[in-house]
C-alpha atoms as a PDB file:
ATOM      1  CA  UNK A   1       1.830 -15.887   9.313  1.00  0.00           C
ATOM      2  CA  UNK A   2       5.359 -17.269   8.783  1.00  0.00           C
ATOM      3  CA  UNK A   3       6.231 -14.959   5.842  1.00  0.00           C
ATOM      4  CA  UNK A   4       7.558 -11.549   6.262  1.00  0.00           C
ATOM      5  CA  UNK A   5       4.884  -8.932   5.586  1.00  0.00           C
ATOM      6  CA  UNK A   6       5.273  -5.591   3.641  1.00  0.00           C
ATOM      7  CA  UNK A   7       3.210  -2.613   3.032  1.00  0.00           C
ATOM      8  CA  UNK A   8       2.148   0.948   4.123  1.00  0.00           C
ATOM      9  CA  UNK A   9       1.278   2.362   7.616  1.00  0.00           C
ATOM     10  CA  UNK A  10      -1.246   5.248   7.104  1.00  0.00           C
ATOM     11  CA  UNK A  11      -2.360   7.877   9.684  1.00  0.00           C
ATOM     12  CA  UNK A  12      -5.753   8.611   8.235  1.00  0.00           C
ATOM     13  CA  UNK A  13      -8.753   6.224   8.220  1.00  0.00           C
ATOM     14  CA  UNK A  14     -10.215   7.647   4.922  1.00  0.00           C
ATOM     15  CA  UNK A  15      -6.925   7.336   3.115  1.00  0.00           C
ATOM     16  CA  UNK A  16      -6.497   3.898   4.684  1.00  0.00           C
ATOM     17  CA  UNK A  17      -9.892   2.709   3.145  1.00  0.00           C
ATOM     18  CA  UNK A  18      -8.964   4.309  -0.284  1.00  0.00           C
ATOM     19  CA  UNK A  19      -5.444   2.473  -0.283  1.00  0.00           C
ATOM     20  CA  UNK A  20      -7.114  -0.738   0.746  1.00  0.00           C
ATOM     21  CA  UNK A  21      -9.622  -0.518  -2.027  1.00  0.00           C
ATOM     22  CA  UNK A  22      -6.895   0.246  -4.628  1.00  0.00           C
ATOM     23  CA  UNK A  23      -4.555  -2.317  -3.205  1.00  0.00           C
ATOM     24  CA  UNK A  24      -7.210  -5.006  -3.631  1.00  0.00           C
ATOM     25  CA  UNK A  25      -7.347  -3.942  -7.480  1.00  0.00           C
ATOM     26  CA  UNK A  26      -3.536  -4.080  -7.730  1.00  0.00           C
ATOM     27  CA  UNK A  27      -2.931  -7.385  -5.924  1.00  0.00           C
ATOM     28  CA  UNK A  28      -5.637  -9.675  -7.223  1.00  0.00           C
ATOM     29  CA  UNK A  29      -6.017 -13.046  -5.602  1.00  0.00           C
ATOM     30  CA  UNK A  30      -4.075 -11.887  -2.540  1.00  0.00           C
ATOM     31  CA  UNK A  31      -5.571 -11.742   0.874  1.00  0.00           C
ATOM     32  CA  UNK A  32      -4.556  -8.291   2.390  1.00  0.00           C
ATOM     33  CA  UNK A  33      -3.892  -8.264   6.170  1.00  0.00           C
ATOM     34  CA  UNK A  34      -5.027  -5.061   7.987  1.00  0.00           C
ATOM     35  CA  UNK A  35      -4.459  -3.677  11.378  1.00  0.00           C
ATOM     36  CA  UNK A  36      -6.602  -0.884  12.774  1.00  0.00           C
ATOM     37  CA  UNK A  37      -4.801   0.657  15.774  1.00  0.00           C
ATOM     38  CA  UNK A  38      -7.115   3.953  15.622  1.00  0.00           C
ATOM     39  CA  UNK A  39      -3.980   6.135  15.396  1.00  0.00           C
ATOM     40  CA  UNK A  40      -2.538   4.251  12.647  1.00  0.00           C
ATOM     41  CA  UNK A  41      -3.605   1.672   9.941  1.00  0.00           C
ATOM     42  CA  UNK A  42      -1.534  -0.977   8.283  1.00  0.00           C
ATOM     43  CA  UNK A  43      -2.109  -2.875   5.129  1.00  0.00           C
ATOM     44  CA  UNK A  44       0.107  -5.860   4.576  1.00  0.00           C
ATOM     45  CA  UNK A  45       0.965  -8.606   2.169  1.00  0.00           C
ATOM     46  CA  UNK A  46       3.613 -11.486   2.147  1.00  0.00           C
ATOM     47  CA  UNK A  47       6.796 -10.216   0.356  1.00  0.00           C
ATOM     48  CA  UNK A  48       5.411  -7.944  -2.164  1.00  0.00           C
ATOM     49  CA  UNK A  49       2.660  -5.172  -2.180  1.00  0.00           C
ATOM     50  CA  UNK A  50       1.805  -3.092  -5.293  1.00  0.00           C
ATOM     51  CA  UNK A  51      -0.106   0.238  -5.423  1.00  0.00           C
ATOM     52  CA  UNK A  52      -0.746   1.962  -8.595  1.00  0.00           C
ATOM     53  CA  UNK A  53      -1.739   5.620  -9.592  1.00  0.00           C
ATOM     54  CA  UNK A  54      -4.533   4.203 -11.783  1.00  0.00           C
ATOM     55  CA  UNK A  55      -6.137   2.187  -9.010  1.00  0.00           C
ATOM     56  CA  UNK A  56      -5.893   5.190  -6.561  1.00  0.00           C
ATOM     57  CA  UNK A  57      -7.554   7.378  -9.082  1.00  0.00           C
ATOM     58  CA  UNK A  58     -10.380   4.750  -9.651  1.00  0.00           C
ATOM     59  CA  UNK A  59     -10.913   4.380  -5.790  1.00  0.00           C
ATOM     60  CA  UNK A  60     -11.034   8.254  -5.231  1.00  0.00           C
ATOM     61  CA  UNK A  61     -12.865   9.022  -8.529  1.00  0.00           C
ATOM     62  CA  UNK A  62     -10.487  11.793  -9.287  1.00  0.00           C
ATOM     63  CA  UNK A  63      -6.914  12.364 -10.619  1.00  0.00           C
ATOM     64  CA  UNK A  64      -4.284  11.449  -7.905  1.00  0.00           C
ATOM     65  CA  UNK A  65      -0.513  11.596  -7.897  1.00  0.00           C
ATOM     66  CA  UNK A  66       1.169   9.057  -5.680  1.00  0.00           C
ATOM     67  CA  UNK A  67       3.307  11.802  -4.098  1.00  0.00           C
ATOM     68  CA  UNK A  68       0.042  12.961  -2.602  1.00  0.00           C
ATOM     69  CA  UNK A  69       0.133   9.810  -0.370  1.00  0.00           C
ATOM     70  CA  UNK A  70       3.128  11.014   1.333  1.00  0.00           C
ATOM     71  CA  UNK A  71       1.539  13.042   4.106  1.00  0.00           C
ATOM     72  CA  UNK A  72      -0.616   9.948   5.023  1.00  0.00           C
ATOM     73  CA  UNK A  73       2.293   7.515   5.029  1.00  0.00           C
ATOM     74  CA  UNK A  74       3.503   7.332   8.511  1.00  0.00           C
ATOM     75  CA  UNK A  75       5.894   4.395   7.847  1.00  0.00           C
ATOM     76  CA  UNK A  76       5.959   1.170   5.958  1.00  0.00           C
ATOM     77  CA  UNK A  77       7.237  -2.320   6.296  1.00  0.00           C
ATOM     78  CA  UNK A  78       9.994  -3.562   3.875  1.00  0.00           C
ATOM     79  CA  UNK A  79      11.654  -1.645   1.231  1.00  0.00           C
ATOM     80  CA  UNK A  80       9.887   0.868  -1.236  1.00  0.00           C
ATOM     81  CA  UNK A  81      10.306   1.542  -4.937  1.00  0.00           C
ATOM     82  CA  UNK A  82       8.394   4.400  -6.202  1.00  0.00           C
ATOM     83  CA  UNK A  83       7.686   5.960  -9.519  1.00  0.00           C
ATOM     84  CA  UNK A  84       5.007   8.391 -10.985  1.00  0.00           C
ATOM     85  CA  UNK A  85       2.805   5.485 -11.707  1.00  0.00           C
ATOM     86  CA  UNK A  86       3.355   2.725  -8.934  1.00  0.00           C
ATOM     87  CA  UNK A  87       4.616   2.074  -5.447  1.00  0.00           C
ATOM     88  CA  UNK A  88       6.143  -1.345  -4.584  1.00  0.00           C
ATOM     89  CA  UNK A  89       6.911  -2.526  -1.129  1.00  0.00           C
ATOM     90  CA  UNK A  90       9.109  -5.539  -1.028  1.00  0.00           C
ATOM     91  CA  UNK A  91      11.542  -7.484   0.890  1.00  0.00           C
ATOM     92  CA  UNK A  92      15.332  -6.720   0.663  1.00  0.00           C
ATOM     93  CA  UNK A  93      17.235  -9.270  -1.446  1.00  0.00           C
ATOM     94  CA  UNK A  94      14.081 -10.643  -3.082  1.00  0.00           C
ATOM     95  CA  UNK A  95      13.547 -10.485  -6.835  1.00  0.00           C
ATOM     96  CA  UNK A  96       9.982  -9.571  -6.419  1.00  0.00           C
ATOM     97  CA  UNK A  97      10.572  -5.779  -7.043  1.00  0.00           C
END
């Protein structure tokens, strides 16, 4: 893919699957790229990736604070904006955020 990809790198398969499910809700119509490297798992989109607290709660079936994702987040591609209700991964200098 010629565009730059952004998104989280997770260190836990169960959380990877949860984030993937939530990301599909938060990024409708986008085809998420994934990489399973056994020790870490990437979820990527071109230029902008959005993840909300609401979608994580729906995927988990229980209340969830986005700060609870931190121990599972090994790294990420791009820049990250975070608030209580959403995380956005984006490219520097873009107006996507």
